[in-house]
Amino acid sequence: MGRKINVTPEEQFAELKRGSFEIIPEDDFIKKLKKSYEKDEPLRVKFGADPSRPDIHLGHTVVLNKLRLLQEFGHEIYFLIGDFTARIGDPSGKSKTRPILTSEEIIENAQTYKDQVGKILDMKKAKVVFNNDWLAKLTPFDIVKLVSQVTVSGILRRDDFSKRYAADQAIYLHEFLYPVFQGYDSVALKSDLELGGTDQTFNLMVGRDLQKAYGQESQAILTMPILEGLDGINKMSKSLDNYIGINESAENIFGKVMSISDEMMIKYYQLLSRKKHQEILEVVEGLKSGSKHPMEAKKEIAQELVEIYYPGEGKLERDKFEARFSKNKIPDDVQTLELAAQELDLIKIFSDLKFVKSNGEARRLMKQNAVKVDGTAFKEQFLSIESGSEYILKVGKLRMVKVKCV
């Protein structure tokens, strides 16, 4: 049989560190990688999934991409479904108490989450575990022993708790238990490495402390930065409607990636691309030196991301996009409206087609020259059309309709 770990520690570290926010402690993590390679023993890698959010967008995949790398390097991925802790609700970054989910909601959400994660990880090789299997077995005495390892002052140092405390907002005792139970998951799994976003750093550190208290070697921690959404400002979020869902259509994924700023594109390369570290460095250097055109680089990352979630369709979507926008051609499948000669209310048409969310948005786009008639910016609400004429109406880069006057 061949080696289980067939990539050198140095190569592993370079790929894992790329785009990461922090590795705690870095020296300890390097030692773990070297020991794992020398003994050909996979690291036990822990990742906890919150089943209260079943819909995955590209922001969630930032950490999942590192898990995929670790899996490819030969390490064991423990994909932990927090079915017990979900009944508490993770207070990380929250200004108020999270609602407690029912068992049925947790089971349904967990299955949906696993199905989507299967687009990134090889779930047949991952070890899926549920923390209810060990947390539910803790006796009251066990829990007292567990919480005796964590101080209230330490918990209150968490940014979200300290802000709520200072603002005299309610903090319930069960919320203090969330990071303690999450930390105990690391004890139960004897994890060598845990991954999470920067908003999870405190919880992951509790795991290190508890492992030490229970006589285990403390896990290393790898945190990834939070990915901004399409607006380039706020965290990618479904509630802010600035997200790219991995279950969206291939066309939507491609089009949305093409709408991000050139500055954000570099971050998307660093956090979402599956290219090798050196290849990404070459893209970034090319953009800085001017030898790589931003539009070309953006089409490449858009094609790659579509290909990840819709194998075989990346090039197809790129060709469609170039036909539609880059080459100023009108695609054969463009939606067509046949109307009698009249004065068209463009705002109503765009609203009916769901090109805009409100009349105010339509007017704002007109002022910004984002509405075009036959390729020319058009700022008026009404357009007179004559019998036998055809017009191409566009809103931004992605929304287009042909109007035929009959």
Protein backbone atom coordinates (compact mmCIF):
# COMPACT_ATOMS: atom_id res chain seq x y z
CA MET A 1 0.00 0.00 0.00
CA GLY A 2 1.11 3.59 -0.68
CA ARG A 3 1.45 6.33 1.87
CA LYS A 4 -1.63 7.81 3.48
CA ILE A 5 0.04 11.23 3.68
CA ASN A 6 1.77 11.80 0.34
CA VAL A 7 2.37 15.56 0.40
CA THR A 8 5.31 17.01 2.30
CA PRO A 9 4.65 19.08 5.44
CA GLU A 10 6.14 22.16 3.75
CA GLU A 11 3.80 21.85 0.75
CA GLN A 12 0.82 21.23 2.99
CA PHE A 13 1.58 24.25 5.14
CA ALA A 14 2.03 26.58 2.16
CA GLU A 15 -1.36 25.61 0.69
CA LEU A 16 -3.17 25.69 4.04
CA LYS A 17 -1.74 29.04 5.13
CA ARG A 18 -2.65 30.76 1.86
CA GLY A 19 -5.56 33.09 2.51
CA SER A 20 -5.85 32.04 6.16
CA PHE A 21 -6.37 34.63 8.87
CA GLU A 22 -4.50 32.95 11.71
CA ILE A 23 -2.92 29.64 12.70
CA ILE A 24 -2.69 29.12 16.47
CA PRO A 25 0.04 28.28 17.35
CA GLU A 26 1.83 28.17 14.01
CA ASP A 27 4.94 26.37 15.28
CA ASP A 28 2.84 23.71 16.95
CA PHE A 29 0.84 23.16 13.77
CA ILE A 30 4.01 22.70 11.71
CA LYS A 31 5.22 20.12 14.25
CA LYS A 32 1.94 18.24 13.95
CA LEU A 33 2.23 18.19 10.15
CA LYS A 34 5.82 16.90 10.33
CA LYS A 35 4.98 14.22 12.89
CA SER A 36 1.97 13.15 10.84
CA TYR A 37 4.11 12.87 7.70
CA GLU A 38 6.98 11.04 9.38
CA LYS A 39 4.70 8.48 11.02
CA ASP A 40 2.31 8.44 8.05
CA GLU A 41 -0.59 8.99 10.45
CA PRO A 42 -3.42 11.33 9.41
CA LEU A 43 -4.31 14.26 11.62
CA ARG A 44 -7.78 14.24 13.17
CA VAL A 45 -9.37 17.40 11.74
CA LYS A 46 -12.53 18.76 13.34
CA PHE A 47 -15.08 21.04 11.73
CA GLY A 48 -18.38 21.84 13.39
CA ALA A 49 -21.44 22.63 11.28
CA ASP A 50 -24.38 24.56 12.67
CA PRO A 51 -27.53 22.85 11.32
CA SER A 52 -29.58 25.99 11.94
CA ARG A 53 -28.42 27.34 8.55
CA PRO A 54 -28.98 24.77 5.81
CA ASP A 55 -28.28 26.98 2.78
CA ILE A 56 -24.61 27.23 1.83
CA HIS A 57 -23.17 30.20 -0.06
CA LEU A 58 -19.61 30.92 -1.19
CA GLY A 59 -18.86 32.59 2.13
CA HIS A 60 -19.35 29.25 3.89
CA THR A 61 -17.09 27.46 1.42
CA VAL A 62 -14.00 29.45 2.50
CA VAL A 63 -13.44 27.03 5.40
CA LEU A 64 -14.79 24.02 3.50
CA ASN A 65 -12.15 24.53 0.80
CA LYS A 66 -9.40 24.10 3.42
CA LEU A 67 -11.11 20.93 4.65
CA ARG A 68 -11.10 19.62 1.09
CA LEU A 69 -7.35 20.29 0.87
CA LEU A 70 -6.72 18.48 4.16
CA GLN A 71 -8.79 15.57 2.90
CA GLU A 72 -6.76 15.44 -0.30
CA PHE A 73 -3.55 15.47 1.76
CA GLY A 74 -4.79 12.30 3.46
CA HIS A 75 -6.02 13.60 6.81
CA GLU A 76 -9.21 12.42 8.54
CA ILE A 77 -12.05 14.93 8.45
CA TYR A 78 -14.51 14.77 11.33
CA PHE A 79 -17.55 16.62 10.07
CA LEU A 80 -19.41 17.37 13.27
CA ILE A 81 -23.12 18.15 13.14
CA GLY A 82 -23.96 20.15 16.25
CA ASP A 83 -27.36 18.60 16.84
CA PHE A 84 -27.00 19.02 20.62
CA THR A 85 -25.45 22.51 20.61
CA ALA A 86 -27.97 23.70 17.99
CA ARG A 87 -30.58 23.40 20.70
CA ILE A 88 -28.65 26.12 22.53
CA GLY A 89 -27.87 28.34 19.55
CA ASP A 90 -24.40 29.76 18.90
CA PRO A 91 -24.32 33.34 20.28
CA SER A 92 -21.16 34.23 18.30
CA GLY A 93 -21.54 37.71 16.87
CA LYS A 94 -25.17 37.92 17.95
CA SER A 95 -26.69 40.87 19.77
CA LYS A 96 -29.54 38.79 21.15
CA THR A 97 -30.40 35.24 22.12
CA ARG A 98 -30.80 32.76 19.27
CA PRO A 99 -34.09 30.81 19.03
CA ILE A 100 -33.86 27.14 20.01
CA LEU A 101 -34.55 24.70 17.16
CA THR A 102 -36.74 21.63 17.33
CA SER A 103 -35.30 18.14 16.77
CA GLU A 104 -37.17 17.88 13.46
CA GLU A 105 -35.72 21.18 12.19
CA ILE A 106 -32.21 20.12 13.17
CA ILE A 107 -32.46 16.76 11.39
CA GLU A 108 -33.90 18.32 8.22
CA ASN A 109 -31.33 21.12 8.15
CA ALA A 110 -28.43 18.76 8.83
CA GLN A 111 -29.35 16.54 5.89
CA THR A 112 -29.66 19.54 3.57
CA TYR A 113 -26.30 20.82 4.77
CA LYS A 114 -24.60 17.45 4.23
CA ASP A 115 -26.00 17.21 0.70
CA GLN A 116 -24.57 20.60 -0.22
CA VAL A 117 -21.21 19.98 1.45
CA GLY A 118 -20.96 16.87 -0.73
CA LYS A 119 -20.28 19.23 -3.64
CA ILE A 120 -17.01 20.20 -1.95
CA LEU A 121 -15.89 17.30 0.25
CA ASP A 122 -15.84 13.58 -0.41
CA MET A 123 -18.48 12.74 2.16
CA LYS A 124 -17.84 9.01 1.69
CA LYS A 125 -14.40 9.51 3.23
CA ALA A 126 -15.43 12.10 5.83
CA LYS A 127 -16.49 10.87 9.25
CA VAL A 128 -19.85 12.46 10.04
CA VAL A 129 -20.47 12.65 13.79
CA PHE A 130 -23.16 14.19 15.99
CA ASN A 131 -22.28 15.79 19.31
CA ASN A 132 -25.54 14.64 20.88
CA ASP A 133 -23.88 11.20 21.01
CA TRP A 134 -21.57 12.31 23.84
CA LEU A 135 -23.00 15.56 25.20
CA ALA A 136 -26.39 14.02 25.96
CA LYS A 137 -24.65 11.38 28.09
CA LEU A 138 -23.01 13.88 30.43
CA THR A 139 -24.37 13.65 33.97
CA PRO A 140 -24.96 16.77 36.07
CA PHE A 141 -21.71 15.97 37.87
CA ASP A 142 -19.88 15.71 34.51
CA ILE A 143 -21.21 19.10 33.48
CA VAL A 144 -20.16 20.69 36.79
CA LYS A 145 -16.68 19.22 36.30
CA LEU A 146 -16.63 20.54 32.73
CA VAL A 147 -17.70 24.10 33.49
CA SER A 148 -15.27 24.26 36.43
CA GLN A 149 -12.49 24.46 33.83
CA VAL A 150 -13.80 27.76 32.41
CA THR A 151 -14.08 31.11 34.19
CA VAL A 152 -16.98 33.54 33.91
CA SER A 153 -14.52 36.41 33.42
CA GLY A 154 -13.00 34.49 30.50
CA ILE A 155 -16.39 33.97 28.89
CA LEU A 156 -17.29 37.64 29.35
CA ARG A 157 -14.15 38.64 27.45
CA ARG A 158 -15.86 37.46 24.30
CA ASP A 159 -16.62 40.50 22.19
CA ASP A 160 -20.32 39.76 21.69
CA PHE A 161 -20.93 38.99 25.37
CA SER A 162 -18.97 42.02 26.57
CA LYS A 163 -20.95 44.33 24.30
CA ARG A 164 -24.28 42.90 25.43
CA TYR A 165 -23.19 43.13 29.08
CA ALA A 166 -22.11 46.76 28.66
CA ALA A 167 -25.40 47.57 26.94
CA ASP A 168 -27.35 45.87 29.75
CA GLN A 169 -28.81 43.37 27.27
CA ALA A 170 -29.90 39.96 28.48
CA ILE A 171 -27.34 37.15 28.48
CA TYR A 172 -28.78 33.81 29.51
CA LEU A 173 -26.79 31.17 31.36
CA HIS A 174 -27.35 28.52 28.68
CA GLU A 175 -25.51 30.75 26.17
CA PHE A 176 -22.37 30.49 28.32
CA LEU A 177 -22.56 26.73 27.86
CA TYR A 178 -22.27 26.87 24.06
CA PRO A 179 -18.51 27.53 23.83
CA VAL A 180 -17.92 25.07 26.70
CA PHE A 181 -19.81 22.26 24.96
CA GLN A 182 -18.20 23.09 21.61
CA GLY A 183 -14.83 22.93 23.31
CA TYR A 184 -15.70 19.57 24.85
CA ASP A 185 -16.37 18.26 21.33
CA SER A 186 -12.63 18.59 20.75
CA VAL A 187 -12.00 16.48 23.85
CA ALA A 188 -14.47 13.82 22.70
CA LEU A 189 -12.90 13.65 19.23
CA LYS A 190 -9.28 14.06 20.40
CA SER A 191 -8.88 16.49 17.51
CA ASP A 192 -5.45 17.63 16.31
CA LEU A 193 -6.72 20.56 14.29
CA GLU A 194 -9.95 22.56 14.23
CA LEU A 195 -11.06 24.97 11.52
CA GLY A 196 -13.47 27.86 11.65
CA GLY A 197 -14.12 31.47 10.73
CA THR A 198 -12.60 34.38 12.63
CA ASP A 199 -15.88 34.76 14.53
CA GLN A 200 -15.27 31.31 16.03
CA THR A 201 -11.78 31.94 17.44
CA PHE A 202 -12.91 32.17 21.07
CA ASN A 203 -14.87 28.90 20.89
CA LEU A 204 -11.94 27.11 19.23
CA MET A 205 -9.57 28.36 21.93
CA VAL A 206 -11.86 26.92 24.61
CA GLY A 207 -11.35 23.56 22.93
CA ARG A 208 -7.56 23.91 23.31
CA ASP A 209 -7.91 24.77 27.00
CA LEU A 210 -10.28 21.90 27.75
CA GLN A 211 -8.10 19.35 25.96
CA LYS A 212 -5.20 20.40 28.16
CA ALA A 213 -7.41 20.18 31.27
CA TYR A 214 -8.42 16.64 30.27
CA GLY A 215 -4.82 15.54 29.73
CA GLN A 216 -4.80 15.70 25.93
CA GLU A 217 -2.44 17.42 23.52
CA SER A 218 -4.10 20.70 22.57
CA GLN A 219 -5.40 21.06 19.03
CA ALA A 220 -4.02 23.63 16.62
CA ILE A 221 -6.46 26.15 15.18
CA LEU A 222 -6.78 27.47 11.63
CA THR A 223 -9.16 30.38 11.12
CA MET A 224 -10.27 31.82 7.81
CA PRO A 225 -11.35 35.41 7.11
CA ILE A 226 -14.96 36.35 6.53
CA LEU A 227 -15.76 36.77 2.83
CA GLU A 228 -17.53 39.97 1.79
CA GLY A 229 -20.52 39.68 -0.48
CA LEU A 230 -21.35 41.23 -3.83
CA ASP A 231 -21.39 44.72 -2.35
CA GLY A 232 -17.73 44.34 -1.35
CA ILE A 233 -18.50 45.78 2.09
CA ASN A 234 -20.66 43.53 4.23
CA LYS A 235 -20.20 39.87 5.15
CA MET A 236 -21.75 37.63 2.51
CA SER A 237 -25.23 36.95 3.80
CA LYS A 238 -28.56 35.74 2.51
CA SER A 239 -30.36 38.28 4.69
CA LEU A 240 -28.42 41.11 3.00
CA ASP A 241 -29.06 39.61 -0.45
CA ASN A 242 -25.37 39.98 -1.33
CA TYR A 243 -24.62 36.28 -1.58
CA ILE A 244 -23.83 33.64 -4.21
CA GLY A 245 -25.44 30.33 -3.29
CA ILE A 246 -23.78 27.11 -4.40
CA ASN A 247 -27.20 25.76 -5.39
CA GLU A 248 -27.97 28.72 -7.63
CA SER A 249 -28.01 28.16 -11.39
CA ALA A 250 -24.69 28.05 -13.24
CA GLU A 251 -25.71 31.21 -15.10
CA ASN A 252 -26.42 33.08 -11.86
CA ILE A 253 -23.13 32.02 -10.27
CA PHE A 254 -21.14 33.16 -13.31
CA GLY A 255 -23.03 36.43 -13.65
CA LYS A 256 -22.79 37.31 -9.97
CA VAL A 257 -19.05 36.63 -9.84
CA MET A 258 -18.62 38.90 -12.86
CA SER A 259 -20.38 41.69 -10.94
CA ILE A 260 -17.85 41.86 -8.08
CA SER A 261 -15.22 44.60 -7.98
CA ASP A 262 -11.68 44.05 -9.24
CA GLU A 263 -10.40 44.45 -5.66
CA MET A 264 -12.75 41.77 -4.34
CA MET A 265 -11.79 39.47 -7.23
CA ILE A 266 -8.30 39.04 -5.74
CA LYS A 267 -9.81 37.94 -2.43
CA TYR A 268 -12.10 35.51 -4.26
CA TYR A 269 -9.02 34.00 -5.91
CA GLN A 270 -7.25 33.68 -2.56
CA LEU A 271 -10.19 32.18 -0.68
CA LEU A 272 -12.25 30.31 -3.28
CA SER A 273 -9.97 29.17 -6.10
CA ARG A 274 -8.64 25.62 -6.22
CA LYS A 275 -5.56 26.67 -8.14
CA LYS A 276 -2.18 26.02 -6.55
CA HIS A 277 -0.66 28.70 -4.33
CA GLN A 278 1.96 29.63 -6.96
CA GLU A 279 -0.64 29.94 -9.73
CA ILE A 280 -2.69 32.36 -7.66
CA LEU A 281 0.40 34.42 -6.86
CA GLU A 282 1.06 34.69 -10.60
CA VAL A 283 -2.51 35.90 -11.25
CA VAL A 284 -2.25 38.51 -8.48
CA GLU A 285 1.17 39.70 -9.66
CA GLY A 286 -0.11 39.87 -13.24
CA LEU A 287 -3.01 42.06 -12.15
CA LYS A 288 -0.68 44.37 -10.23
CA SER A 289 1.82 44.65 -13.09
CA GLY A 290 -0.85 45.08 -15.75
CA SER A 291 0.15 41.96 -17.69
CA LYS A 292 -3.15 40.30 -16.68
CA HIS A 293 -6.37 42.09 -17.66
CA PRO A 294 -8.89 42.24 -14.78
CA MET A 295 -11.79 41.21 -17.03
CA GLU A 296 -9.91 38.11 -18.19
CA ALA A 297 -8.98 37.19 -14.62
CA LYS A 298 -12.56 37.64 -13.49
CA LYS A 299 -13.91 35.41 -16.24
CA GLU A 300 -11.39 32.75 -15.27
CA ILE A 301 -12.42 32.68 -11.60
CA ALA A 302 -16.12 32.78 -12.57
CA GLN A 303 -15.58 29.83 -14.92
CA GLU A 304 -13.69 27.91 -12.25
CA LEU A 305 -16.38 28.42 -9.60
CA VAL A 306 -19.16 27.33 -11.96
CA GLU A 307 -17.12 24.25 -12.88
CA ILE A 308 -16.78 23.30 -9.20
CA TYR A 309 -20.52 23.21 -8.57
CA TYR A 310 -21.67 22.35 -12.12
CA PRO A 311 -18.96 20.14 -13.68
CA GLY A 312 -18.75 20.57 -17.44
CA GLU A 313 -20.65 23.88 -17.51
CA GLY A 314 -17.93 26.43 -16.66
CA LYS A 315 -16.73 26.95 -20.23
CA LEU A 316 -20.32 26.94 -21.50
CA GLU A 317 -21.32 29.77 -19.17
CA ARG A 318 -18.22 31.73 -20.10
CA ASP A 319 -19.02 31.40 -23.80
CA LYS A 320 -22.60 32.52 -23.17
CA PHE A 321 -21.41 35.48 -21.13
CA GLU A 322 -18.92 36.58 -23.77
CA ALA A 323 -21.55 36.27 -26.49
CA ARG A 324 -23.96 38.32 -24.44
CA PHE A 325 -21.73 41.03 -23.03
CA SER A 326 -18.10 40.99 -24.11
CA LYS A 327 -18.77 40.64 -27.84
CA ASN A 328 -21.93 42.80 -27.81
CA LYS A 329 -23.96 40.01 -29.38
CA ILE A 330 -27.54 39.21 -28.52
CA PRO A 331 -27.97 35.59 -27.38
CA ASP A 332 -30.55 33.46 -29.16
CA ASP A 333 -32.36 32.68 -25.90
CA VAL A 334 -32.93 36.30 -24.84
CA GLN A 335 -36.46 36.89 -23.54
CA THR A 336 -38.69 38.66 -26.08
CA LEU A 337 -41.76 40.84 -25.50
CA GLU A 338 -44.09 41.52 -28.43
CA LEU A 339 -46.01 44.74 -27.90
CA ALA A 340 -48.19 47.09 -29.93
CA ALA A 341 -46.87 50.54 -30.84
CA GLN A 342 -47.12 52.66 -27.70
CA GLU A 343 -45.22 54.60 -25.09
CA LEU A 344 -43.54 52.05 -22.85
CA ASP A 345 -43.23 52.56 -19.11
CA LEU A 346 -39.74 51.12 -18.63
CA ILE A 347 -39.96 51.15 -14.86
CA LYS A 348 -43.13 49.02 -14.98
CA ILE A 349 -41.56 46.61 -17.47
CA PHE A 350 -38.42 46.18 -15.36
CA SER A 351 -40.54 45.67 -12.25
CA ASP A 352 -42.81 43.11 -13.94
CA LEU A 353 -39.74 41.21 -15.20
CA LYS A 354 -38.22 41.39 -11.70
CA PHE A 355 -35.15 43.17 -13.10
CA VAL A 356 -35.47 45.57 -10.15
CA LYS A 357 -36.82 45.25 -6.62
CA SER A 358 -38.54 48.63 -6.56
CA ASN A 359 -39.38 51.67 -8.67
CA GLY A 360 -36.82 53.60 -6.64
CA GLU A 361 -34.08 51.16 -7.63
CA ALA A 362 -35.07 51.52 -11.30
CA ARG A 363 -34.84 55.32 -11.13
CA ARG A 364 -31.50 55.13 -9.34
CA LEU A 365 -30.10 52.80 -12.02
CA MET A 366 -31.29 55.18 -14.72
CA LYS A 367 -29.43 58.05 -13.07
CA GLN A 368 -26.32 55.88 -12.90
CA ASN A 369 -26.46 55.16 -16.68
CA ALA A 370 -27.10 51.47 -15.89
CA VAL A 371 -30.24 51.34 -18.06
CA LYS A 372 -29.57 51.11 -21.79
CA VAL A 373 -31.67 51.01 -24.94
CA ASP A 374 -29.81 49.44 -27.86
CA GLY A 375 -26.53 49.97 -26.03
CA THR A 376 -27.08 53.66 -25.25
CA ALA A 377 -27.73 54.96 -21.73
CA PHE A 378 -31.38 55.95 -21.31
CA LYS A 379 -32.54 58.03 -18.33
CA GLU A 380 -36.22 58.54 -19.16
CA GLN A 381 -39.07 56.51 -17.71
CA PHE A 382 -41.00 56.32 -20.99
CA LEU A 383 -39.89 55.07 -24.40
CA SER A 384 -41.99 55.48 -27.56
CA ILE A 385 -41.85 52.48 -29.89
CA GLU A 386 -43.01 52.37 -33.50
CA SER A 387 -44.56 49.51 -35.44
CA GLY A 388 -41.99 47.10 -36.92
CA SER A 389 -39.17 48.23 -34.62
CA GLU A 390 -37.05 46.18 -32.20
CA TYR A 391 -35.18 47.31 -29.12
CA ILE A 392 -32.80 45.67 -26.64
CA LEU A 393 -33.41 46.90 -23.10
CA LYS A 394 -30.68 46.24 -20.54
CA VAL A 395 -30.47 46.85 -16.82
CA GLY A 396 -26.88 46.55 -15.62
CA LYS A 397 -24.80 43.80 -17.19
CA LEU A 398 -26.97 40.78 -16.54
CA ARG A 399 -30.60 41.69 -17.22
CA MET A 400 -31.73 41.95 -20.83
CA VAL A 401 -34.99 41.78 -22.80
CA LYS A 402 -35.86 42.25 -26.48
CA VAL A 403 -38.95 44.32 -27.29
CA LYS A 404 -40.58 43.77 -30.69
CA CYS A 405 -43.21 46.26 -31.81
CA VAL A 406 -45.94 44.47 -33.81
